[in-house]
Amino acid sequence: MKSHGVLLGISGTLFGLLVGWILGSQQARPAAPASVQAQGTARSSPAAPPLDLARAAELERQANARPRDAAVRVALADLYLEAQRFDLAIPWYQAAVKMDRKNIQASTDLALSLLYTGDAQAALKQIDHSLSIDARHVKSLLSQGFIRAFGTRDLAGAAESWQKVMTIAPGSPEANEARRQLDGLKAAHPNLGGGQKAP
């Protein structure tokens, strides 16, 4: 399992522009496709880092040799996530979460991978699981906002998630990203009210 969190934030504007995912607590990772709802298949964007095939093969060998080891499955899923191969990350995150249901980071990364493959409802269900482990986990709340905004177009729900991030962890990178996204949301939808969906 990684020693740091995966999601620090998403950059870009709402609805139709590039969504830049910043992954990890110490470094930014490249942008992924923005049209989350339109993306029916999980394939790498041109900006995706190359997949380390040798490392992937070694981790898969380890996973096969250690069928009860959740950590090696998370490591392999993380490798695929970093290369924006969400389709390949999903089954490894699913296996890890099945073995370790309290692994909130793996659960949240699974939710994001599901979002990127176009399965917003499954992503929302998975992020609900993450928040059932810790309702104040800011990376999960930040991700919930993205899933609501980009996946289910629940703008009021996204605003609520991002507001929680800012309340729980003011001044954090997650709160700064939540504020940026919330400001963009309000600029695009000045009359944002409860239950509003994007057109």
N, C-alpha and C. Protein backbone atom coordinates (compact mmCIF):
# COMPACT_ATOMS: atom_id res chain seq x y z
N MET A 1 0.84 -1.18 0.00
CA MET A 1 0.00 0.00 0.00
C MET A 1 0.87 1.23 0.00
N LYS A 2 0.48 2.27 -0.69
CA LYS A 2 1.27 3.48 -0.78
C LYS A 2 1.32 4.17 0.57
N SER A 3 2.39 4.93 0.80
CA SER A 3 2.55 5.64 2.05
C SER A 3 1.89 7.00 2.01
N HIS A 4 1.42 7.40 0.85
CA HIS A 4 0.77 8.71 0.75
C HIS A 4 -0.56 8.57 0.03
N GLY A 5 -1.39 9.56 0.17
CA GLY A 5 -2.69 9.56 -0.48
C GLY A 5 -2.56 9.72 -1.98
N VAL A 6 -3.58 9.34 -2.70
CA VAL A 6 -3.52 9.39 -4.16
C VAL A 6 -4.05 10.71 -4.69
N LEU A 7 -5.18 11.12 -4.23
CA LEU A 7 -5.81 12.27 -4.87
C LEU A 7 -5.56 13.55 -4.08
N LEU A 8 -4.92 14.52 -4.67
CA LEU A 8 -4.85 15.86 -4.08
C LEU A 8 -5.87 16.78 -4.72
N GLY A 9 -6.19 16.56 -5.97
CA GLY A 9 -7.17 17.46 -6.55
C GLY A 9 -7.36 17.28 -8.02
N ILE A 10 -8.30 17.98 -8.53
CA ILE A 10 -8.56 18.03 -9.97
C ILE A 10 -8.44 19.47 -10.38
N SER A 11 -7.72 19.71 -11.48
CA SER A 11 -7.66 21.06 -12.01
C SER A 11 -8.39 21.10 -13.32
N GLY A 12 -8.66 22.27 -13.81
CA GLY A 12 -9.45 22.43 -15.02
C GLY A 12 -10.79 23.01 -14.67
N THR A 13 -11.59 23.37 -15.65
CA THR A 13 -12.91 23.94 -15.40
C THR A 13 -13.97 22.88 -15.55
N LEU A 14 -15.16 23.19 -15.03
CA LEU A 14 -16.26 22.24 -15.07
C LEU A 14 -16.79 22.08 -16.49
N PHE A 15 -17.26 20.88 -16.80
CA PHE A 15 -18.03 20.57 -17.99
C PHE A 15 -17.32 20.84 -19.30
N GLY A 16 -16.58 19.88 -19.76
CA GLY A 16 -16.10 19.89 -21.12
C GLY A 16 -14.66 20.29 -21.34
N LEU A 17 -13.95 20.79 -20.32
CA LEU A 17 -12.54 21.14 -20.48
C LEU A 17 -11.70 20.05 -19.84
N LEU A 18 -10.40 20.12 -20.08
CA LEU A 18 -9.52 19.12 -19.48
C LEU A 18 -9.61 19.13 -17.97
N VAL A 19 -9.72 17.94 -17.41
CA VAL A 19 -9.74 17.77 -15.97
C VAL A 19 -8.37 17.22 -15.59
N GLY A 20 -7.56 18.00 -14.92
CA GLY A 20 -6.22 17.55 -14.56
C GLY A 20 -6.23 16.97 -13.18
N TRP A 21 -5.93 15.72 -13.10
CA TRP A 21 -5.92 15.07 -11.80
C TRP A 21 -4.51 15.17 -11.21
N ILE A 22 -4.43 15.65 -10.02
CA ILE A 22 -3.15 15.71 -9.33
C ILE A 22 -3.16 14.59 -8.30
N LEU A 23 -2.31 13.60 -8.54
CA LEU A 23 -2.32 12.40 -7.71
C LEU A 23 -1.09 12.35 -6.84
N GLY A 24 -1.25 11.95 -5.63
CA GLY A 24 -0.13 11.81 -4.71
C GLY A 24 0.04 13.05 -3.87
N SER A 25 0.64 12.92 -2.72
CA SER A 25 0.81 14.05 -1.82
C SER A 25 2.08 14.82 -2.09
N GLN A 26 2.96 14.32 -2.95
CA GLN A 26 4.22 15.00 -3.17
C GLN A 26 4.46 15.39 -4.61
N GLN A 27 3.69 14.84 -5.54
CA GLN A 27 3.96 15.17 -6.94
C GLN A 27 2.68 15.18 -7.73
N ALA A 28 2.67 16.00 -8.76
CA ALA A 28 1.51 16.07 -9.65
C ALA A 28 1.66 15.03 -10.73
N ARG A 29 0.55 14.47 -11.13
CA ARG A 29 0.54 13.52 -12.22
C ARG A 29 -0.24 14.11 -13.37
N PRO A 30 -0.06 13.63 -14.60
CA PRO A 30 -0.63 14.28 -15.78
C PRO A 30 -2.14 14.26 -15.83
N ALA A 31 -2.65 15.09 -16.73
CA ALA A 31 -4.09 15.27 -16.88
C ALA A 31 -4.73 14.08 -17.57
N ALA A 32 -5.98 13.83 -17.21
CA ALA A 32 -6.77 12.76 -17.82
C ALA A 32 -7.90 13.38 -18.62
N PRO A 33 -8.55 12.60 -19.47
CA PRO A 33 -9.62 13.17 -20.28
C PRO A 33 -10.72 13.78 -19.43
N ALA A 34 -11.30 14.88 -19.92
CA ALA A 34 -12.30 15.60 -19.14
C ALA A 34 -13.70 15.07 -19.33
N SER A 35 -14.03 14.59 -20.50
CA SER A 35 -15.41 14.19 -20.77
C SER A 35 -15.68 12.86 -20.11
N VAL A 36 -15.81 12.91 -18.78
CA VAL A 36 -15.93 11.68 -18.01
C VAL A 36 -17.16 10.89 -18.43
N GLN A 37 -18.30 11.60 -18.60
CA GLN A 37 -19.51 10.88 -18.95
C GLN A 37 -19.42 10.27 -20.33
N ALA A 38 -18.72 10.94 -21.24
CA ALA A 38 -18.66 10.47 -22.62
C ALA A 38 -17.63 9.37 -22.81
N GLN A 39 -16.80 9.16 -21.81
CA GLN A 39 -15.71 8.20 -21.97
C GLN A 39 -16.21 6.80 -21.64
N GLY A 40 -16.58 6.05 -22.64
CA GLY A 40 -17.11 4.72 -22.42
C GLY A 40 -16.03 3.67 -22.25
N THR A 41 -14.84 3.96 -22.74
CA THR A 41 -13.76 3.00 -22.60
C THR A 41 -12.63 3.63 -21.82
N ALA A 42 -11.86 2.82 -21.14
CA ALA A 42 -10.74 3.32 -20.35
C ALA A 42 -9.47 3.16 -21.16
N ARG A 43 -8.98 4.25 -21.67
CA ARG A 43 -7.73 4.20 -22.41
C ARG A 43 -6.91 5.39 -21.99
N SER A 44 -5.64 5.32 -22.19
CA SER A 44 -4.75 6.38 -21.76
C SER A 44 -4.91 7.61 -22.64
N SER A 45 -4.83 8.77 -22.01
CA SER A 45 -4.80 10.02 -22.77
C SER A 45 -3.38 10.23 -23.27
N PRO A 46 -3.18 11.13 -24.25
CA PRO A 46 -1.82 11.36 -24.74
C PRO A 46 -0.86 11.82 -23.65
N ALA A 47 -1.39 12.46 -22.60
CA ALA A 47 -0.54 12.97 -21.54
C ALA A 47 -0.18 11.91 -20.50
N ALA A 48 -0.76 10.74 -20.61
CA ALA A 48 -0.53 9.71 -19.60
C ALA A 48 0.93 9.27 -19.60
N PRO A 49 1.50 9.05 -18.41
CA PRO A 49 2.85 8.51 -18.36
C PRO A 49 2.86 7.09 -18.89
N PRO A 50 3.97 6.66 -19.43
CA PRO A 50 4.01 5.28 -19.95
C PRO A 50 3.87 4.27 -18.82
N LEU A 51 3.21 3.19 -19.14
CA LEU A 51 3.06 2.11 -18.18
C LEU A 51 4.37 1.34 -18.10
N ASP A 52 4.84 1.12 -16.89
CA ASP A 52 6.05 0.34 -16.65
C ASP A 52 5.66 -1.14 -16.73
N LEU A 53 5.80 -1.71 -17.91
CA LEU A 53 5.34 -3.09 -18.14
C LEU A 53 6.11 -4.10 -17.30
N ALA A 54 7.39 -3.87 -17.12
CA ALA A 54 8.19 -4.80 -16.31
C ALA A 54 7.73 -4.79 -14.86
N ARG A 55 7.48 -3.59 -14.34
CA ARG A 55 7.00 -3.47 -12.96
C ARG A 55 5.61 -4.09 -12.83
N ALA A 56 4.75 -3.87 -13.81
CA ALA A 56 3.41 -4.44 -13.77
C ALA A 56 3.49 -5.97 -13.77
N ALA A 57 4.35 -6.54 -14.61
CA ALA A 57 4.49 -7.99 -14.67
C ALA A 57 5.01 -8.55 -13.35
N GLU A 58 5.96 -7.84 -12.74
CA GLU A 58 6.52 -8.29 -11.46
C GLU A 58 5.46 -8.24 -10.36
N LEU A 59 4.68 -7.16 -10.31
CA LEU A 59 3.63 -7.05 -9.30
C LEU A 59 2.54 -8.10 -9.52
N GLU A 60 2.22 -8.37 -10.77
CA GLU A 60 1.23 -9.40 -11.03
C GLU A 60 1.75 -10.78 -10.62
N ARG A 61 3.04 -11.03 -10.85
CA ARG A 61 3.64 -12.29 -10.40
C ARG A 61 3.53 -12.40 -8.88
N GLN A 62 3.84 -11.31 -8.18
CA GLN A 62 3.73 -11.31 -6.72
C GLN A 62 2.29 -11.54 -6.26
N ALA A 63 1.35 -10.89 -6.95
CA ALA A 63 -0.06 -11.05 -6.58
C ALA A 63 -0.51 -12.50 -6.75
N ASN A 64 -0.08 -13.14 -7.83
CA ASN A 64 -0.43 -14.53 -8.06
C ASN A 64 0.21 -15.45 -7.03
N ALA A 65 1.41 -15.09 -6.59
CA ALA A 65 2.10 -15.90 -5.60
C ALA A 65 1.55 -15.69 -4.19
N ARG A 66 0.92 -14.53 -3.97
CA ARG A 66 0.38 -14.20 -2.64
C ARG A 66 -1.10 -13.86 -2.76
N PRO A 67 -1.96 -14.87 -2.88
CA PRO A 67 -3.37 -14.62 -3.17
C PRO A 67 -4.14 -13.89 -2.08
N ARG A 68 -3.57 -13.74 -0.88
CA ARG A 68 -4.26 -13.04 0.20
C ARG A 68 -3.61 -11.70 0.53
N ASP A 69 -2.74 -11.23 -0.32
CA ASP A 69 -1.98 -10.00 -0.06
C ASP A 69 -2.68 -8.81 -0.73
N ALA A 70 -3.38 -8.02 0.07
CA ALA A 70 -4.08 -6.85 -0.47
C ALA A 70 -3.10 -5.77 -0.92
N ALA A 71 -1.99 -5.63 -0.19
CA ALA A 71 -1.05 -4.54 -0.47
C ALA A 71 -0.45 -4.63 -1.86
N VAL A 72 -0.10 -5.83 -2.31
CA VAL A 72 0.50 -5.96 -3.64
C VAL A 72 -0.55 -5.65 -4.71
N ARG A 73 -1.80 -5.96 -4.44
CA ARG A 73 -2.87 -5.63 -5.39
C ARG A 73 -3.08 -4.12 -5.48
N VAL A 74 -3.00 -3.45 -4.35
CA VAL A 74 -3.09 -1.98 -4.36
C VAL A 74 -1.91 -1.39 -5.13
N ALA A 75 -0.72 -1.92 -4.92
CA ALA A 75 0.46 -1.41 -5.63
C ALA A 75 0.30 -1.56 -7.14
N LEU A 76 -0.24 -2.69 -7.58
CA LEU A 76 -0.44 -2.91 -9.01
C LEU A 76 -1.54 -1.98 -9.54
N ALA A 77 -2.61 -1.86 -8.80
CA ALA A 77 -3.69 -0.95 -9.21
C ALA A 77 -3.19 0.48 -9.28
N ASP A 78 -2.38 0.89 -8.30
CA ASP A 78 -1.81 2.25 -8.31
C ASP A 78 -0.96 2.49 -9.55
N LEU A 79 -0.20 1.48 -9.92
CA LEU A 79 0.64 1.59 -11.11
C LEU A 79 -0.22 1.84 -12.35
N TYR A 80 -1.30 1.10 -12.46
CA TYR A 80 -2.21 1.29 -13.60
C TYR A 80 -2.92 2.65 -13.52
N LEU A 81 -3.29 3.06 -12.32
CA LEU A 81 -3.96 4.36 -12.15
C LEU A 81 -3.04 5.49 -12.59
N GLU A 82 -1.79 5.42 -12.19
CA GLU A 82 -0.83 6.46 -12.56
C GLU A 82 -0.63 6.54 -14.07
N ALA A 83 -0.75 5.41 -14.74
CA ALA A 83 -0.62 5.38 -16.20
C ALA A 83 -1.97 5.64 -16.89
N GLN A 84 -2.98 5.96 -16.08
CA GLN A 84 -4.33 6.24 -16.57
C GLN A 84 -4.93 5.06 -17.32
N ARG A 85 -4.57 3.86 -16.89
CA ARG A 85 -5.17 2.63 -17.40
C ARG A 85 -6.21 2.17 -16.39
N PHE A 86 -7.29 2.94 -16.32
CA PHE A 86 -8.30 2.74 -15.30
C PHE A 86 -8.97 1.38 -15.42
N ASP A 87 -9.13 0.90 -16.66
CA ASP A 87 -9.74 -0.41 -16.88
C ASP A 87 -8.92 -1.52 -16.24
N LEU A 88 -7.61 -1.36 -16.25
CA LEU A 88 -6.73 -2.37 -15.65
C LEU A 88 -6.62 -2.19 -14.13
N ALA A 89 -6.77 -0.96 -13.66
CA ALA A 89 -6.69 -0.70 -12.22
C ALA A 89 -7.89 -1.26 -11.47
N ILE A 90 -9.06 -1.16 -12.07
CA ILE A 90 -10.30 -1.51 -11.37
C ILE A 90 -10.30 -2.91 -10.75
N PRO A 91 -10.00 -3.97 -11.50
CA PRO A 91 -10.10 -5.30 -10.87
C PRO A 91 -9.12 -5.50 -9.72
N TRP A 92 -7.96 -4.84 -9.80
CA TRP A 92 -6.98 -4.98 -8.71
C TRP A 92 -7.42 -4.21 -7.47
N TYR A 93 -7.99 -3.02 -7.67
CA TYR A 93 -8.56 -2.31 -6.52
C TYR A 93 -9.73 -3.09 -5.92
N GLN A 94 -10.58 -3.65 -6.79
CA GLN A 94 -11.71 -4.43 -6.29
C GLN A 94 -11.25 -5.60 -5.45
N ALA A 95 -10.22 -6.29 -5.92
CA ALA A 95 -9.69 -7.43 -5.16
C ALA A 95 -9.12 -6.97 -3.82
N ALA A 96 -8.41 -5.85 -3.83
CA ALA A 96 -7.81 -5.33 -2.60
C ALA A 96 -8.87 -4.92 -1.59
N VAL A 97 -9.90 -4.23 -2.08
CA VAL A 97 -10.96 -3.76 -1.19
C VAL A 97 -11.77 -4.94 -0.65
N LYS A 98 -11.92 -5.98 -1.45
CA LYS A 98 -12.61 -7.18 -0.97
C LYS A 98 -11.83 -7.81 0.18
N MET A 99 -10.50 -7.79 0.09
CA MET A 99 -9.66 -8.37 1.14
C MET A 99 -9.56 -7.46 2.36
N ASP A 100 -9.56 -6.15 2.11
CA ASP A 100 -9.36 -5.18 3.19
C ASP A 100 -10.41 -4.07 3.03
N ARG A 101 -11.61 -4.31 3.58
CA ARG A 101 -12.73 -3.40 3.37
C ARG A 101 -12.52 -2.05 4.05
N LYS A 102 -11.55 -1.94 4.93
CA LYS A 102 -11.29 -0.67 5.61
C LYS A 102 -10.22 0.16 4.91
N ASN A 103 -9.72 -0.29 3.78
CA ASN A 103 -8.69 0.45 3.05
C ASN A 103 -9.35 1.60 2.30
N ILE A 104 -9.44 2.74 2.98
CA ILE A 104 -10.19 3.87 2.43
C ILE A 104 -9.54 4.44 1.18
N GLN A 105 -8.21 4.45 1.12
CA GLN A 105 -7.55 5.02 -0.05
C GLN A 105 -7.79 4.15 -1.28
N ALA A 106 -7.68 2.83 -1.12
CA ALA A 106 -7.95 1.94 -2.25
C ALA A 106 -9.40 2.05 -2.70
N SER A 107 -10.32 2.19 -1.75
CA SER A 107 -11.73 2.34 -2.08
C SER A 107 -11.97 3.63 -2.86
N THR A 108 -11.34 4.71 -2.43
CA THR A 108 -11.51 6.00 -3.11
C THR A 108 -10.88 5.96 -4.50
N ASP A 109 -9.72 5.35 -4.62
CA ASP A 109 -9.08 5.25 -5.93
C ASP A 109 -9.89 4.35 -6.88
N LEU A 110 -10.54 3.33 -6.31
CA LEU A 110 -11.44 2.51 -7.10
C LEU A 110 -12.60 3.36 -7.61
N ALA A 111 -13.16 4.19 -6.75
CA ALA A 111 -14.27 5.06 -7.16
C ALA A 111 -13.86 5.98 -8.30
N LEU A 112 -12.67 6.56 -8.21
CA LEU A 112 -12.20 7.45 -9.27
C LEU A 112 -11.97 6.70 -10.57
N SER A 113 -11.44 5.49 -10.48
CA SER A 113 -11.23 4.67 -11.67
C SER A 113 -12.56 4.33 -12.33
N LEU A 114 -13.55 4.03 -11.52
CA LEU A 114 -14.88 3.74 -12.05
C LEU A 114 -15.46 4.97 -12.74
N LEU A 115 -15.26 6.14 -12.14
CA LEU A 115 -15.73 7.38 -12.76
C LEU A 115 -15.11 7.58 -14.13
N TYR A 116 -13.81 7.35 -14.23
CA TYR A 116 -13.12 7.56 -15.50
C TYR A 116 -13.51 6.56 -16.57
N THR A 117 -14.04 5.42 -16.17
CA THR A 117 -14.50 4.48 -17.19
C THR A 117 -15.97 4.69 -17.52
N GLY A 118 -16.58 5.73 -16.95
CA GLY A 118 -17.94 6.10 -17.30
C GLY A 118 -19.01 5.50 -16.43
N ASP A 119 -18.64 4.81 -15.35
CA ASP A 119 -19.63 4.18 -14.48
C ASP A 119 -19.83 5.05 -13.23
N ALA A 120 -20.53 6.16 -13.42
CA ALA A 120 -20.70 7.14 -12.34
C ALA A 120 -21.48 6.57 -11.16
N GLN A 121 -22.49 5.75 -11.43
CA GLN A 121 -23.29 5.21 -10.32
C GLN A 121 -22.45 4.27 -9.45
N ALA A 122 -21.64 3.43 -10.09
CA ALA A 122 -20.77 2.55 -9.31
C ALA A 122 -19.73 3.37 -8.55
N ALA A 123 -19.24 4.44 -9.17
CA ALA A 123 -18.28 5.32 -8.50
C ALA A 123 -18.89 5.95 -7.26
N LEU A 124 -20.12 6.41 -7.38
CA LEU A 124 -20.81 7.04 -6.25
C LEU A 124 -21.04 6.02 -5.13
N LYS A 125 -21.41 4.82 -5.48
CA LYS A 125 -21.60 3.77 -4.48
C LYS A 125 -20.29 3.45 -3.77
N GLN A 126 -19.21 3.41 -4.54
CA GLN A 126 -17.91 3.09 -3.94
C GLN A 126 -17.43 4.22 -3.03
N ILE A 127 -17.66 5.48 -3.43
CA ILE A 127 -17.23 6.59 -2.58
C ILE A 127 -18.08 6.63 -1.31
N ASP A 128 -19.32 6.21 -1.40
CA ASP A 128 -20.15 6.09 -0.19
C ASP A 128 -19.53 5.08 0.77
N HIS A 129 -18.98 4.00 0.22
CA HIS A 129 -18.30 3.02 1.07
C HIS A 129 -17.08 3.66 1.75
N SER A 130 -16.31 4.42 0.98
CA SER A 130 -15.15 5.10 1.57
C SER A 130 -15.57 5.98 2.73
N LEU A 131 -16.63 6.74 2.52
CA LEU A 131 -17.08 7.68 3.56
C LEU A 131 -17.76 6.97 4.73
N SER A 132 -18.18 5.72 4.53
CA SER A 132 -18.70 4.95 5.66
C SER A 132 -17.56 4.52 6.58
N ILE A 133 -16.35 4.45 6.05
CA ILE A 133 -15.17 4.14 6.86
C ILE A 133 -14.77 5.36 7.68
N ASP A 134 -14.77 6.53 7.03
CA ASP A 134 -14.42 7.78 7.69
C ASP A 134 -15.15 8.91 6.98
N ALA A 135 -16.18 9.43 7.61
CA ALA A 135 -17.02 10.47 6.99
C ALA A 135 -16.29 11.79 6.84
N ARG A 136 -15.11 11.94 7.47
CA ARG A 136 -14.36 13.19 7.39
C ARG A 136 -13.07 13.05 6.57
N HIS A 137 -12.97 11.99 5.80
CA HIS A 137 -11.78 11.76 4.98
C HIS A 137 -11.81 12.74 3.81
N VAL A 138 -10.92 13.74 3.84
CA VAL A 138 -11.04 14.85 2.90
C VAL A 138 -10.81 14.44 1.45
N LYS A 139 -9.92 13.50 1.20
CA LYS A 139 -9.70 13.07 -0.18
C LYS A 139 -10.94 12.36 -0.73
N SER A 140 -11.63 11.61 0.12
CA SER A 140 -12.86 10.96 -0.32
C SER A 140 -13.96 11.99 -0.55
N LEU A 141 -14.06 12.98 0.33
CA LEU A 141 -15.06 14.04 0.14
C LEU A 141 -14.78 14.85 -1.12
N LEU A 142 -13.51 15.16 -1.36
CA LEU A 142 -13.14 15.89 -2.57
C LEU A 142 -13.53 15.06 -3.80
N SER A 143 -13.23 13.78 -3.75
CA SER A 143 -13.57 12.87 -4.86
C SER A 143 -15.07 12.76 -5.03
N GLN A 144 -15.81 12.72 -3.92
CA GLN A 144 -17.26 12.67 -4.00
C GLN A 144 -17.80 13.88 -4.77
N GLY A 145 -17.20 15.05 -4.51
CA GLY A 145 -17.61 16.24 -5.25
C GLY A 145 -17.39 16.09 -6.74
N PHE A 146 -16.24 15.54 -7.13
CA PHE A 146 -15.95 15.35 -8.55
C PHE A 146 -16.92 14.35 -9.17
N ILE A 147 -17.20 13.27 -8.45
CA ILE A 147 -18.12 12.26 -8.98
C ILE A 147 -19.51 12.87 -9.15
N ARG A 148 -19.93 13.65 -8.17
CA ARG A 148 -21.25 14.28 -8.28
C ARG A 148 -21.29 15.29 -9.43
N ALA A 149 -20.26 16.11 -9.55
CA ALA A 149 -20.26 17.15 -10.59
C ALA A 149 -20.09 16.57 -11.98
N PHE A 150 -19.08 15.72 -12.15
CA PHE A 150 -18.73 15.24 -13.48
C PHE A 150 -19.44 13.95 -13.86
N GLY A 151 -19.84 13.16 -12.87
CA GLY A 151 -20.44 11.87 -13.15
C GLY A 151 -21.95 11.91 -13.17
N THR A 152 -22.56 12.43 -12.10
CA THR A 152 -24.02 12.42 -11.99
C THR A 152 -24.63 13.79 -12.21
N ARG A 153 -23.80 14.80 -12.39
CA ARG A 153 -24.24 16.18 -12.63
C ARG A 153 -25.10 16.73 -11.49
N ASP A 154 -24.84 16.27 -10.31
CA ASP A 154 -25.52 16.77 -9.11
C ASP A 154 -24.69 17.94 -8.59
N LEU A 155 -24.97 19.13 -9.09
CA LEU A 155 -24.15 20.29 -8.77
C LEU A 155 -24.28 20.71 -7.31
N ALA A 156 -25.50 20.67 -6.80
CA ALA A 156 -25.70 21.03 -5.39
C ALA A 156 -24.98 20.03 -4.49
N GLY A 157 -25.04 18.76 -4.85
CA GLY A 157 -24.33 17.74 -4.07
C GLY A 157 -22.83 17.93 -4.12
N ALA A 158 -22.31 18.29 -5.30
CA ALA A 158 -20.88 18.55 -5.44
C ALA A 158 -20.47 19.72 -4.56
N ALA A 159 -21.27 20.79 -4.60
CA ALA A 159 -20.98 21.96 -3.77
C ALA A 159 -20.96 21.60 -2.30
N GLU A 160 -21.89 20.76 -1.88
CA GLU A 160 -21.95 20.32 -0.49
C GLU A 160 -20.69 19.54 -0.09
N SER A 161 -20.26 18.63 -0.96
CA SER A 161 -19.05 17.85 -0.68
C SER A 161 -17.83 18.76 -0.55
N TRP A 162 -17.68 19.69 -1.48
CA TRP A 162 -16.52 20.57 -1.46
C TRP A 162 -16.55 21.52 -0.27
N GLN A 163 -17.75 21.95 0.13
CA GLN A 163 -17.85 22.81 1.31
C GLN A 163 -17.39 22.05 2.55
N LYS A 164 -17.74 20.78 2.64
CA LYS A 164 -17.30 19.95 3.78
C LYS A 164 -15.78 19.87 3.83
N VAL A 165 -15.15 19.70 2.67
CA VAL A 165 -13.68 19.65 2.63
C VAL A 165 -13.10 20.92 3.22
N MET A 166 -13.63 22.06 2.81
CA MET A 166 -13.11 23.34 3.29
C MET A 166 -13.35 23.53 4.78
N THR A 167 -14.44 22.99 5.29
CA THR A 167 -14.75 23.10 6.71
C THR A 167 -13.85 22.19 7.54
N ILE A 168 -13.65 20.98 7.07
CA ILE A 168 -12.88 19.98 7.83
C ILE A 168 -11.38 20.28 7.81
N ALA A 169 -10.86 20.70 6.66
CA ALA A 169 -9.40 20.86 6.51
C ALA A 169 -9.06 22.21 5.88
N PRO A 170 -9.42 23.32 6.53
CA PRO A 170 -9.13 24.63 5.94
C PRO A 170 -7.63 24.83 5.70
N GLY A 171 -7.31 25.39 4.54
CA GLY A 171 -5.91 25.65 4.22
C GLY A 171 -5.16 24.48 3.63
N SER A 172 -5.77 23.30 3.60
CA SER A 172 -5.10 22.12 3.04
C SER A 172 -5.14 22.18 1.52
N PRO A 173 -4.27 21.41 0.84
CA PRO A 173 -4.35 21.34 -0.63
C PRO A 173 -5.73 20.91 -1.11
N GLU A 174 -6.35 19.98 -0.37
CA GLU A 174 -7.69 19.53 -0.75
C GLU A 174 -8.71 20.66 -0.63
N ALA A 175 -8.61 21.45 0.44
CA ALA A 175 -9.53 22.57 0.63
C ALA A 175 -9.31 23.63 -0.44
N ASN A 176 -8.05 23.88 -0.80
CA ASN A 176 -7.77 24.86 -1.85
C ASN A 176 -8.37 24.41 -3.18
N GLU A 177 -8.25 23.11 -3.49
CA GLU A 177 -8.84 22.59 -4.73
C GLU A 177 -10.36 22.64 -4.65
N ALA A 178 -10.93 22.30 -3.49
CA ALA A 178 -12.38 22.36 -3.33
C ALA A 178 -12.87 23.79 -3.53
N ARG A 179 -12.16 24.77 -2.99
CA ARG A 179 -12.54 26.17 -3.15
C ARG A 179 -12.49 26.58 -4.62
N ARG A 180 -11.44 26.15 -5.32
CA ARG A 180 -11.31 26.50 -6.73
C ARG A 180 -12.46 25.91 -7.55
N GLN A 181 -12.77 24.65 -7.28
CA GLN A 181 -13.87 24.01 -8.00
C GLN A 181 -15.21 24.65 -7.65
N LEU A 182 -15.39 24.96 -6.37
CA LEU A 182 -16.64 25.58 -5.94
C LEU A 182 -16.81 26.96 -6.56
N ASP A 183 -15.73 27.72 -6.60
CA ASP A 183 -15.79 29.05 -7.24
C ASP A 183 -16.16 28.93 -8.72
N GLY A 184 -15.57 27.95 -9.41
CA GLY A 184 -15.89 27.73 -10.82
C GLY A 184 -17.33 27.31 -11.01
N LEU A 185 -17.82 26.47 -10.10
CA LEU A 185 -19.19 26.01 -10.17
C LEU A 185 -20.16 27.17 -9.99
N LYS A 186 -19.87 28.03 -9.00
CA LYS A 186 -20.76 29.17 -8.74
C LYS A 186 -20.70 30.19 -9.87
N ALA A 187 -19.52 30.35 -10.47
CA ALA A 187 -19.41 31.28 -11.59
C ALA A 187 -20.22 30.80 -12.79
N ALA A 188 -20.21 29.50 -13.02
CA ALA A 188 -20.94 28.93 -14.15
C ALA A 188 -22.44 28.82 -13.87
N HIS A 189 -22.80 28.69 -12.60
CA HIS A 189 -24.20 28.50 -12.21
C HIS A 189 -24.52 29.40 -11.03
N PRO A 190 -24.67 30.71 -11.24
CA PRO A 190 -24.87 31.64 -10.13
C PRO A 190 -26.14 31.38 -9.33
N ASN A 191 -27.12 30.74 -9.93
CA ASN A 191 -28.38 30.46 -9.23
C ASN A 191 -28.42 29.03 -8.70
N LEU A 192 -27.26 28.50 -8.42
CA LEU A 192 -27.18 27.11 -7.93
C LEU A 192 -28.05 26.94 -6.70
N GLY A 193 -28.94 25.96 -6.77
CA GLY A 193 -29.83 25.69 -5.65
C GLY A 193 -29.82 24.21 -5.34
N GLY A 194 -30.58 23.83 -4.36
CA GLY A 194 -30.62 22.43 -3.95
C GLY A 194 -31.08 21.52 -5.06
N GLY A 195 -30.35 20.45 -5.28
CA GLY A 195 -30.73 19.42 -6.23
C GLY A 195 -30.55 19.78 -7.69
N GLN A 196 -29.87 20.90 -7.97
CA GLN A 196 -29.71 21.29 -9.37
C GLN A 196 -28.84 20.31 -10.12
N LYS A 197 -29.28 19.98 -11.30
CA LYS A 197 -28.49 19.12 -12.19
C LYS A 197 -28.00 19.96 -13.36
N ALA A 198 -26.84 19.58 -13.87
CA ALA A 198 -26.31 20.28 -15.04
C ALA A 198 -27.17 19.93 -16.24
N PRO A 199 -27.33 20.88 -17.18
CA PRO A 199 -28.13 20.59 -18.38
C PRO A 199 -27.45 19.57 -19.26
